[in-house]
PDB file of all heavy atoms in Angstrom:
ATOM      1  N   ALA A   1      10.172-115.589 -13.790  1.00  0.00           N
ATOM      2  CA  ALA A   1       8.797-116.022 -14.013  1.00  0.00           C
ATOM      3  C   ALA A   1       8.676-117.526 -13.804  1.00  0.00           C
ATOM      4  O   ALA A   1       9.584-118.286 -14.146  1.00  0.00           O
ATOM      5  CB  ALA A   1       8.350-115.653 -15.418  1.00  0.00           C
ATOM      6  N   SER A   2       7.545-117.941 -13.259  1.00  0.00           N
ATOM      7  CA  SER A   2       7.258-119.366 -13.090  1.00  0.00           C
ATOM      8  C   SER A   2       5.770-119.586 -13.295  1.00  0.00           C
ATOM      9  O   SER A   2       4.986-118.644 -13.323  1.00  0.00           O
ATOM     10  CB  SER A   2       7.705-119.860 -11.708  1.00  0.00           C
ATOM     11  OG  SER A   2       7.017-119.158 -10.690  1.00  0.00           O
ATOM     12  N   GLY A   3       5.395-120.855 -13.431  1.00  0.00           N
ATOM     13  CA  GLY A   3       3.991-121.174 -13.674  1.00  0.00           C
ATOM     14  C   GLY A   3       3.735-121.373 -15.150  1.00  0.00           C
ATOM     15  O   GLY A   3       4.546-121.972 -15.854  1.00  0.00           O
ATOM     16  N   SER A   4       2.645-120.844 -15.644  1.00  0.00           N
ATOM     17  CA  SER A   4       2.236-121.041 -17.040  1.00  0.00           C
ATOM     18  C   SER A   4       2.950-120.056 -17.969  1.00  0.00           C
ATOM     19  O   SER A   4       2.319-119.261 -18.674  1.00  0.00           O
ATOM     20  CB  SER A   4       0.726-120.877 -17.162  1.00  0.00           C
ATOM     21  OG  SER A   4       0.048-121.802 -16.340  1.00  0.00           O
ATOM     22  N   ILE A   5       4.278-120.137 -17.983  1.00  0.00           N
ATOM     23  CA  ILE A   5       5.063-119.144 -18.715  1.00  0.00           C
ATOM     24  C   ILE A   5       4.925-119.290 -20.221  1.00  0.00           C
ATOM     25  O   ILE A   5       5.174-118.348 -20.964  1.00  0.00           O
ATOM     26  CB  ILE A   5       6.540-119.205 -18.309  1.00  0.00           C
ATOM     27  CG1 ILE A   5       7.096-120.607 -18.553  1.00  0.00           C
ATOM     28  CG2 ILE A   5       6.714-118.810 -16.856  1.00  0.00           C
ATOM     29  CD1 ILE A   5       8.579-120.721 -18.290  1.00  0.00           C
ATOM     30  N   PHE A   6       4.492-120.469 -20.686  1.00  0.00           N
ATOM     31  CA  PHE A   6       4.352-120.674 -22.125  1.00  0.00           C
ATOM     32  C   PHE A   6       3.278-119.770 -22.717  1.00  0.00           C
ATOM     33  O   PHE A   6       3.260-119.513 -23.916  1.00  0.00           O
ATOM     34  CB  PHE A   6       3.978-122.136 -22.399  1.00  0.00           C
ATOM     35  CG  PHE A   6       2.687-122.555 -21.757  1.00  0.00           C
ATOM     36  CD1 PHE A   6       1.479-122.394 -22.417  1.00  0.00           C
ATOM     37  CD2 PHE A   6       2.660-123.082 -20.476  1.00  0.00           C
ATOM     38  CE1 PHE A   6       0.288-122.765 -21.830  1.00  0.00           C
ATOM     39  CE2 PHE A   6       1.480-123.457 -19.868  1.00  0.00           C
ATOM     40  CZ  PHE A   6       0.284-123.298 -20.553  1.00  0.00           C
ATOM     41  N   SER A   7       2.378-119.293 -21.859  1.00  0.00           N
ATOM     42  CA  SER A   7       1.259-118.476 -22.333  1.00  0.00           C
ATOM     43  C   SER A   7       1.581-116.982 -22.372  1.00  0.00           C
ATOM     44  O   SER A   7       0.773-116.188 -22.852  1.00  0.00           O
ATOM     45  CB  SER A   7       0.044-118.693 -21.425  1.00  0.00           C
ATOM     46  OG  SER A   7       0.349-118.260 -20.106  1.00  0.00           O
ATOM     47  N   ILE A   8       2.760-116.608 -21.873  1.00  0.00           N
ATOM     48  CA  ILE A   8       3.105-115.186 -21.791  1.00  0.00           C
ATOM     49  C   ILE A   8       3.367-114.608 -23.175  1.00  0.00           C
ATOM     50  O   ILE A   8       4.162-115.155 -23.934  1.00  0.00           O
ATOM     51  CB  ILE A   8       4.325-114.970 -20.890  1.00  0.00           C
ATOM     52  CG1 ILE A   8       4.009-115.396 -19.454  1.00  0.00           C
ATOM     53  CG2 ILE A   8       4.748-113.504 -20.926  1.00  0.00           C
ATOM     54  CD1 ILE A   8       5.201-115.343 -18.536  1.00  0.00           C
ATOM     55  N   MET A   9       2.697-113.502 -23.491  1.00  0.00           N
ATOM     56  CA  MET A   9       2.880-112.839 -24.776  1.00  0.00           C
ATOM     57  C   MET A   9       3.837-111.657 -24.670  1.00  0.00           C
ATOM     58  O   MET A   9       4.560-111.343 -25.606  1.00  0.00           O
ATOM     59  CB  MET A   9       1.531-112.365 -25.298  1.00  0.00           C
ATOM     60  CG  MET A   9       0.536-113.477 -25.533  1.00  0.00           C
ATOM     61  SD  MET A   9      -1.105-112.868 -25.889  1.00  0.00           S
ATOM     62  CE  MET A   9      -0.834-111.953 -27.384  1.00  0.00           C
ATOM     63  N   GLU A  10       3.793-111.006 -23.534  1.00  0.00           N
ATOM     64  CA  GLU A  10       4.625-109.823 -23.358  1.00  0.00           C
ATOM     65  C   GLU A  10       4.979-109.680 -21.889  1.00  0.00           C
ATOM     66  O   GLU A  10       4.156-109.965 -21.018  1.00  0.00           O
ATOM     67  CB  GLU A  10       3.887-108.575 -23.836  1.00  0.00           C
ATOM     68  CG  GLU A  10       4.674-107.283 -23.707  1.00  0.00           C
ATOM     69  CD  GLU A  10       3.971-106.100 -24.328  1.00  0.00           C
ATOM     70  OE1 GLU A  10       3.805-106.065 -25.555  1.00  0.00           O
ATOM     71  OE2 GLU A  10       3.557-105.205 -23.568  1.00  0.00           O
ATOM     72  N   MET A  11       6.201-109.212 -21.625  1.00  0.00           N
ATOM     73  CA  MET A  11       6.603-108.888 -20.254  1.00  0.00           C
ATOM     74  C   MET A  11       7.127-107.467 -20.236  1.00  0.00           C
ATOM     75  O   MET A  11       7.611-106.949 -21.250  1.00  0.00           O
ATOM     76  CB  MET A  11       7.660-109.859 -19.750  1.00  0.00           C
ATOM     77  CG  MET A  11       7.130-111.272 -19.582  1.00  0.00           C
ATOM     78  SD  MET A  11       8.272-112.373 -18.756  1.00  0.00           S
ATOM     79  CE  MET A  11       8.235-111.713 -17.076  1.00  0.00           C
ATOM     80  N   GLY A  12       7.014-106.862 -19.091  1.00  0.00           N
ATOM     81  CA  GLY A  12       7.441-105.479 -19.028  1.00  0.00           C
ATOM     82  C   GLY A  12       7.811-105.049 -17.631  1.00  0.00           C
ATOM     83  O   GLY A  12       7.641-105.790 -16.668  1.00  0.00           O
ATOM     84  N   TRP A  13       8.324-103.854 -17.578  1.00  0.00           N
ATOM     85  CA  TRP A  13       8.653-103.207 -16.311  1.00  0.00           C
ATOM     86  C   TRP A  13       7.863-101.915 -16.206  1.00  0.00           C
ATOM     87  O   TRP A  13       7.785-101.140 -17.170  1.00  0.00           O
ATOM     88  CB  TRP A  13      10.143-102.899 -16.225  1.00  0.00           C
ATOM     89  CG  TRP A  13      10.999-104.114 -16.052  1.00  0.00           C
ATOM     90  CD1 TRP A  13      11.617-104.842 -17.027  1.00  0.00           C
ATOM     91  CD2 TRP A  13      11.324-104.752 -14.809  1.00  0.00           C
ATOM     92  NE1 TRP A  13      12.306-105.880 -16.467  1.00  0.00           N
ATOM     93  CE2 TRP A  13      12.144-105.848 -15.110  1.00  0.00           C
ATOM     94  CE3 TRP A  13      11.014-104.484 -13.469  1.00  0.00           C
ATOM     95  CZ2 TRP A  13      12.658-106.694 -14.128  1.00  0.00           C
ATOM     96  CZ3 TRP A  13      11.517-105.325 -12.497  1.00  0.00           C
ATOM     97  CH2 TRP A  13      12.321-106.408 -12.815  1.00  0.00           C
ATOM     98  N   TYR A  14       7.288-101.708 -15.037  1.00  0.00           N
ATOM     99  CA  TYR A  14       6.578-100.485 -14.709  1.00  0.00           C
ATOM    100  C   TYR A  14       7.226 -99.895 -13.464  1.00  0.00           C
ATOM    101  O   TYR A  14       7.955-100.583 -12.760  1.00  0.00           O
ATOM    102  CB  TYR A  14       5.098-100.773 -14.411  1.00  0.00           C
ATOM    103  CG  TYR A  14       4.269-101.109 -15.623  1.00  0.00           C
ATOM    104  CD1 TYR A  14       4.414-102.320 -16.290  1.00  0.00           C
ATOM    105  CD2 TYR A  14       3.315-100.216 -16.097  1.00  0.00           C
ATOM    106  CE1 TYR A  14       3.646-102.622 -17.398  1.00  0.00           C
ATOM    107  CE2 TYR A  14       2.534-100.510 -17.204  1.00  0.00           C
ATOM    108  CZ  TYR A  14       2.710-101.717 -17.842  1.00  0.00           C
ATOM    109  OH  TYR A  14       1.937-102.017 -18.937  1.00  0.00           O
ATOM    110  N   ARG A  15       6.919 -98.646 -13.211  1.00  0.00           N
ATOM    111  CA  ARG A  15       7.408 -98.032 -11.974  1.00  0.00           C
ATOM    112  C   ARG A  15       6.361 -97.074 -11.427  1.00  0.00           C
ATOM    113  O   ARG A  15       5.537 -96.539 -12.166  1.00  0.00           O
ATOM    114  CB  ARG A  15       8.736 -97.305 -12.192  1.00  0.00           C
ATOM    115  CG  ARG A  15       8.659 -96.072 -13.089  1.00  0.00           C
ATOM    116  CD  ARG A  15      10.054 -95.541 -13.349  1.00  0.00           C
ATOM    117  NE  ARG A  15      10.028 -94.342 -14.188  1.00  0.00           N
ATOM    118  CZ  ARG A  15      11.123 -93.760 -14.683  1.00  0.00           C
ATOM    119  NH1 ARG A  15      12.336 -94.270 -14.412  1.00  0.00           N
ATOM    120  NH2 ARG A  15      11.021 -92.675 -15.433  1.00  0.00           N
ATOM    121  N   GLN A  16       6.425 -96.908 -10.120  1.00  0.00           N
ATOM    122  CA  GLN A  16       5.511 -95.991  -9.457  1.00  0.00           C
ATOM    123  C   GLN A  16       6.274 -95.206  -8.403  1.00  0.00           C
ATOM    124  O   GLN A  16       6.792 -95.801  -7.445  1.00  0.00           O
ATOM    125  CB  GLN A  16       4.333 -96.723  -8.827  1.00  0.00           C
ATOM    126  CG  GLN A  16       3.274 -95.804  -8.270  1.00  0.00           C
ATOM    127  CD  GLN A  16       1.982 -96.526  -7.954  1.00  0.00           C
ATOM    128  OE1 GLN A  16       1.947 -97.750  -7.791  1.00  0.00           O
ATOM    129  NE2 GLN A  16       0.882 -95.785  -7.875  1.00  0.00           N
ATOM    130  N   ALA A  17       6.339 -93.908  -8.606  1.00  0.00           N
ATOM    131  CA  ALA A  17       6.977 -93.014  -7.643  1.00  0.00           C
ATOM    132  C   ALA A  17       5.921 -92.529  -6.655  1.00  0.00           C
ATOM    133  O   ALA A  17       4.722 -92.538  -6.959  1.00  0.00           O
ATOM    134  CB  ALA A  17       7.617 -91.839  -8.367  1.00  0.00           C
ATOM    135  N   PRO A  18       6.344 -92.096  -5.475  1.00  0.00           N
ATOM    136  CA  PRO A  18       5.380 -91.617  -4.477  1.00  0.00           C
ATOM    137  C   PRO A  18       4.508 -90.497  -5.030  1.00  0.00           C
ATOM    138  O   PRO A  18       5.008 -89.539  -5.618  1.00  0.00           O
ATOM    139  CB  PRO A  18       6.280 -91.115  -3.347  1.00  0.00           C
ATOM    140  CG  PRO A  18       7.530 -91.901  -3.483  1.00  0.00           C
ATOM    141  CD  PRO A  18       7.719 -92.100  -4.960  1.00  0.00           C
ATOM    142  N   GLY A  19       3.205 -90.654  -4.858  1.00  0.00           N
ATOM    143  CA  GLY A  19       2.275 -89.633  -5.302  1.00  0.00           C
ATOM    144  C   GLY A  19       2.005 -89.605  -6.788  1.00  0.00           C
ATOM    145  O   GLY A  19       1.298 -88.711  -7.275  1.00  0.00           O
ATOM    146  N   LYS A  20       2.558 -90.574  -7.518  1.00  0.00           N
ATOM    147  CA  LYS A  20       2.378 -90.597  -8.963  1.00  0.00           C
ATOM    148  C   LYS A  20       1.732 -91.904  -9.402  1.00  0.00           C
ATOM    149  O   LYS A  20       1.747 -92.890  -8.671  1.00  0.00           O
ATOM    150  CB  LYS A  20       3.715 -90.412  -9.677  1.00  0.00           C
ATOM    151  CG  LYS A  20       4.350 -89.046  -9.460  1.00  0.00           C
ATOM    152  CD  LYS A  20       5.570 -88.873 -10.338  1.00  0.00           C
ATOM    153  CE  LYS A  20       6.166 -87.482 -10.178  1.00  0.00           C
ATOM    154  NZ  LYS A  20       7.351 -87.287 -11.072  1.00  0.00           N
ATOM    155  N   GLN A  21       1.184 -91.874 -10.618  1.00  0.00           N
ATOM    156  CA  GLN A  21       0.581 -93.082 -11.159  1.00  0.00           C
ATOM    157  C   GLN A  21       1.656 -94.041 -11.645  1.00  0.00           C
ATOM    158  O   GLN A  21       2.773 -93.626 -11.994  1.00  0.00           O
ATOM    159  CB  GLN A  21      -0.353 -92.718 -12.312  1.00  0.00           C
ATOM    160  CG  GLN A  21      -1.633 -92.011 -11.884  1.00  0.00           C
ATOM    161  CD  GLN A  21      -2.609 -91.866 -13.030  1.00  0.00           C
ATOM    162  OE1 GLN A  21      -2.217 -91.783 -14.195  1.00  0.00           O
ATOM    163  NE2 GLN A  21      -3.890 -91.849 -12.713  1.00  0.00           N
ATOM    164  N   ARG A  22       1.303 -95.309 -11.672  1.00  0.00           N
ATOM    165  CA  ARG A  22       2.220 -96.309 -12.216  1.00  0.00           C
ATOM    166  C   ARG A  22       2.376 -96.053 -13.707  1.00  0.00           C
ATOM    167  O   ARG A  22       1.400 -95.801 -14.415  1.00  0.00           O
ATOM    168  CB  ARG A  22       1.681 -97.708 -11.973  1.00  0.00           C
ATOM    169  CG  ARG A  22       2.643 -98.822 -12.295  1.00  0.00           C
ATOM    170  CD  ARG A  22       2.101-100.175 -11.867  1.00  0.00           C
ATOM    171  NE  ARG A  22       1.925-100.260 -10.414  1.00  0.00           N
ATOM    172  CZ  ARG A  22       1.628-101.394  -9.784  1.00  0.00           C
ATOM    173  NH1 ARG A  22       1.492-102.523 -10.458  1.00  0.00           N
ATOM    174  NH2 ARG A  22       1.468-101.394  -8.473  1.00  0.00           N
ATOM    175  N   GLU A  23       3.625 -96.128 -14.196  1.00  0.00           N
ATOM    176  CA  GLU A  23       3.887 -95.872 -15.599  1.00  0.00           C
ATOM    177  C   GLU A  23       4.717 -96.993 -16.209  1.00  0.00           C
ATOM    178  O   GLU A  23       5.524 -97.631 -15.525  1.00  0.00           O
ATOM    179  CB  GLU A  23       4.629 -94.544 -15.781  1.00  0.00           C
ATOM    180  CG  GLU A  23       5.995 -94.476 -15.143  1.00  0.00           C
ATOM    181  CD  GLU A  23       6.733 -93.186 -15.450  1.00  0.00           C
ATOM    182  OE1 GLU A  23       6.235 -92.362 -16.238  1.00  0.00           O
ATOM    183  OE2 GLU A  23       7.832 -93.005 -14.889  1.00  0.00           O
ATOM    184  N   SER A  24       4.512 -97.206 -17.499  1.00  0.00           N
ATOM    185  CA  SER A  24       5.288 -98.208 -18.213  1.00  0.00           C
ATOM    186  C   SER A  24       6.695 -97.692 -18.452  1.00  0.00           C
ATOM    187  O   SER A  24       6.893 -96.531 -18.818  1.00  0.00           O
ATOM    188  CB  SER A  24       4.613 -98.544 -19.541  1.00  0.00           C
ATOM    189  OG  SER A  24       5.409 -99.442 -20.281  1.00  0.00           O
ATOM    190  N   VAL A  25       7.669 -98.549 -18.249  1.00  0.00           N
ATOM    191  CA  VAL A  25       9.070 -98.199 -18.465  1.00  0.00           C
ATOM    192  C   VAL A  25       9.610 -98.887 -19.719  1.00  0.00           C
ATOM    193  O   VAL A  25      10.213 -98.249 -20.573  1.00  0.00           O
ATOM    194  CB  VAL A  25       9.921 -98.591 -17.240  1.00  0.00           C
ATOM    195  CG1 VAL A  25      11.395 -98.337 -17.502  1.00  0.00           C
ATOM    196  CG2 VAL A  25       9.455 -97.845 -16.000  1.00  0.00           C
ATOM    197  N   ALA A  26       9.400-100.189 -19.813  1.00  0.00           N
ATOM    198  CA  ALA A  26       9.928-100.951 -20.944  1.00  0.00           C
ATOM    199  C   ALA A  26       9.127-102.230 -21.092  1.00  0.00           C
ATOM    200  O   ALA A  26       8.571-102.732 -20.105  1.00  0.00           O
ATOM    201  CB  ALA A  26      11.402-101.276 -20.753  1.00  0.00           C
ATOM    202  N   ALA A  27       9.088-102.755 -22.305  1.00  0.00           N
ATOM    203  CA  ALA A  27       8.356-103.990 -22.565  1.00  0.00           C
ATOM    204  C   ALA A  27       9.095-104.805 -23.614  1.00  0.00           C
ATOM    205  O   ALA A  27       9.816-104.249 -24.458  1.00  0.00           O
ATOM    206  CB  ALA A  27       6.938-103.692 -23.023  1.00  0.00           C
ATOM    207  N   ILE A  28       8.911-106.124 -23.545  1.00  0.00           N
ATOM    208  CA  ILE A  28       9.498-107.023 -24.530  1.00  0.00           C
ATOM    209  C   ILE A  28       8.479-108.104 -24.852  1.00  0.00           C
ATOM    210  O   ILE A  28       7.860-108.676 -23.947  1.00  0.00           O
ATOM    211  CB  ILE A  28      10.828-107.614 -24.016  1.00  0.00           C
ATOM    212  CG1 ILE A  28      11.501-108.445 -25.106  1.00  0.00           C
ATOM    213  CG2 ILE A  28      10.630-108.423 -22.737  1.00  0.00           C
ATOM    214  CD1 ILE A  28      12.966-108.779 -24.785  1.00  0.00           C
ATOM    215  N   THR A  29       8.292-108.364 -26.139  1.00  0.00           N
ATOM    216  CA  THR A  29       7.317-109.366 -26.549  1.00  0.00           C
ATOM    217  C   THR A  29       7.970-110.738 -26.665  1.00  0.00           C
ATOM    218  O   THR A  29       9.198-110.872 -26.602  1.00  0.00           O
ATOM    219  CB  THR A  29       6.703-108.996 -27.898  1.00  0.00           C
ATOM    220  OG1 THR A  29       7.711-109.124 -28.916  1.00  0.00           O
ATOM    221  CG2 THR A  29       6.161-107.571 -27.895  1.00  0.00           C
ATOM    222  N   SER A  30       7.134-111.735 -26.890  1.00  0.00           N
ATOM    223  CA  SER A  30       7.649-113.093 -27.072  1.00  0.00           C
ATOM    224  C   SER A  30       8.515-113.176 -28.323  1.00  0.00           C
ATOM    225  O   SER A  30       9.348-114.082 -28.437  1.00  0.00           O
ATOM    226  CB  SER A  30       6.495-114.091 -27.153  1.00  0.00           C
ATOM    227  OG  SER A  30       5.607-113.724 -28.199  1.00  0.00           O
ATOM    228  N   GLY A  31       8.340-112.231 -29.252  1.00  0.00           N
ATOM    229  CA  GLY A  31       9.175-112.176 -30.449  1.00  0.00           C
ATOM    230  C   GLY A  31      10.374-111.266 -30.300  1.00  0.00           C
ATOM    231  O   GLY A  31      11.054-110.963 -31.278  1.00  0.00           O
ATOM    232  N   ASP A  32      10.629-110.811 -29.064  1.00  0.00           N
ATOM    233  CA  ASP A  32      11.777-109.980 -28.719  1.00  0.00           C
ATOM    234  C   ASP A  32      11.695-108.547 -29.239  1.00  0.00           C
ATOM    235  O   ASP A  32      12.709-107.845 -29.291  1.00  0.00           O
ATOM    236  CB  ASP A  32      13.102-110.614 -29.163  1.00  0.00           C
ATOM    237  CG  ASP A  32      13.490-111.796 -28.292  1.00  0.00           C
ATOM    238  OD1 ASP A  32      12.996-111.859 -27.142  1.00  0.00           O
ATOM    239  OD2 ASP A  32      14.248-112.653 -28.746  1.00  0.00           O
ATOM    240  N   SER A  33      10.519-108.102 -29.617  1.00  0.00           N
ATOM    241  CA  SER A  33      10.353-106.674 -29.907  1.00  0.00           C
ATOM    242  C   SER A  33      10.347-105.906 -28.590  1.00  0.00           C
ATOM    243  O   SER A  33       9.782-106.392 -27.600  1.00  0.00           O
ATOM    244  CB  SER A  33       9.036-106.428 -30.650  1.00  0.00           C
ATOM    245  OG  SER A  33       9.068-107.021 -31.919  1.00  0.00           O
ATOM    246  N   THR A  34      10.963-104.747 -28.587  1.00  0.00           N
ATOM    247  CA  THR A  34      11.053-103.972 -27.360  1.00  0.00           C
ATOM    248  C   THR A  34      10.469-102.568 -27.552  1.00  0.00           C
ATOM    249  O   THR A  34      10.389-102.059 -28.666  1.00  0.00           O
ATOM    250  CB  THR A  34      12.507-103.834 -26.890  1.00  0.00           C
ATOM    251  OG1 THR A  34      13.285-103.208 -27.915  1.00  0.00           O
ATOM    252  CG2 THR A  34      13.106-105.193 -26.564  1.00  0.00           C
ATOM    253  N   ASP A  35      10.086-101.991 -26.428  1.00  0.00           N
ATOM    254  CA  ASP A  35       9.543-100.643 -26.440  1.00  0.00           C
ATOM    255  C   ASP A  35       9.933 -99.973 -25.137  1.00  0.00           C
ATOM    256  O   ASP A  35      10.004-100.647 -24.090  1.00  0.00           O
ATOM    257  CB  ASP A  35       8.020-100.681 -26.592  1.00  0.00           C
ATOM    258  CG  ASP A  35       7.443 -99.304 -26.885  1.00  0.00           C
ATOM    259  OD1 ASP A  35       8.162 -98.481 -27.505  1.00  0.00           O
ATOM    260  OD2 ASP A  35       6.290 -99.037 -26.499  1.00  0.00           O
ATOM    261  N   TYR A  36      10.184 -98.673 -25.193  1.00  0.00           N
ATOM    262  CA  TYR A  36      10.639 -97.945 -24.023  1.00  0.00           C
ATOM    263  C   TYR A  36       9.885 -96.627 -23.862  1.00  0.00           C
ATOM    264  O   TYR A  36       9.487 -95.995 -24.847  1.00  0.00           O
ATOM    265  CB  TYR A  36      12.130 -97.618 -24.139  1.00  0.00           C
ATOM    266  CG  TYR A  36      13.023 -98.828 -24.203  1.00  0.00           C
ATOM    267  CD1 TYR A  36      13.383 -99.396 -25.417  1.00  0.00           C
ATOM    268  CD2 TYR A  36      13.506 -99.419 -23.039  1.00  0.00           C
ATOM    269  CE1 TYR A  36      14.191-100.507 -25.483  1.00  0.00           C
ATOM    270  CE2 TYR A  36      14.326-100.532 -23.089  1.00  0.00           C
ATOM    271  CZ  TYR A  36      14.663-101.069 -24.320  1.00  0.00           C
ATOM    272  OH  TYR A  36      15.468-102.176 -24.375  1.00  0.00           O
TER     273      TYR A  36
END
């Protein structure tokens, strides 16, 4: 990440398979809480 990174509250990974909707895979907050 670059730019205004101080403002980021949460980052995550998504994925999209052919013919399917984009889905959330994992997320991590600025406080290091995670979700899968």
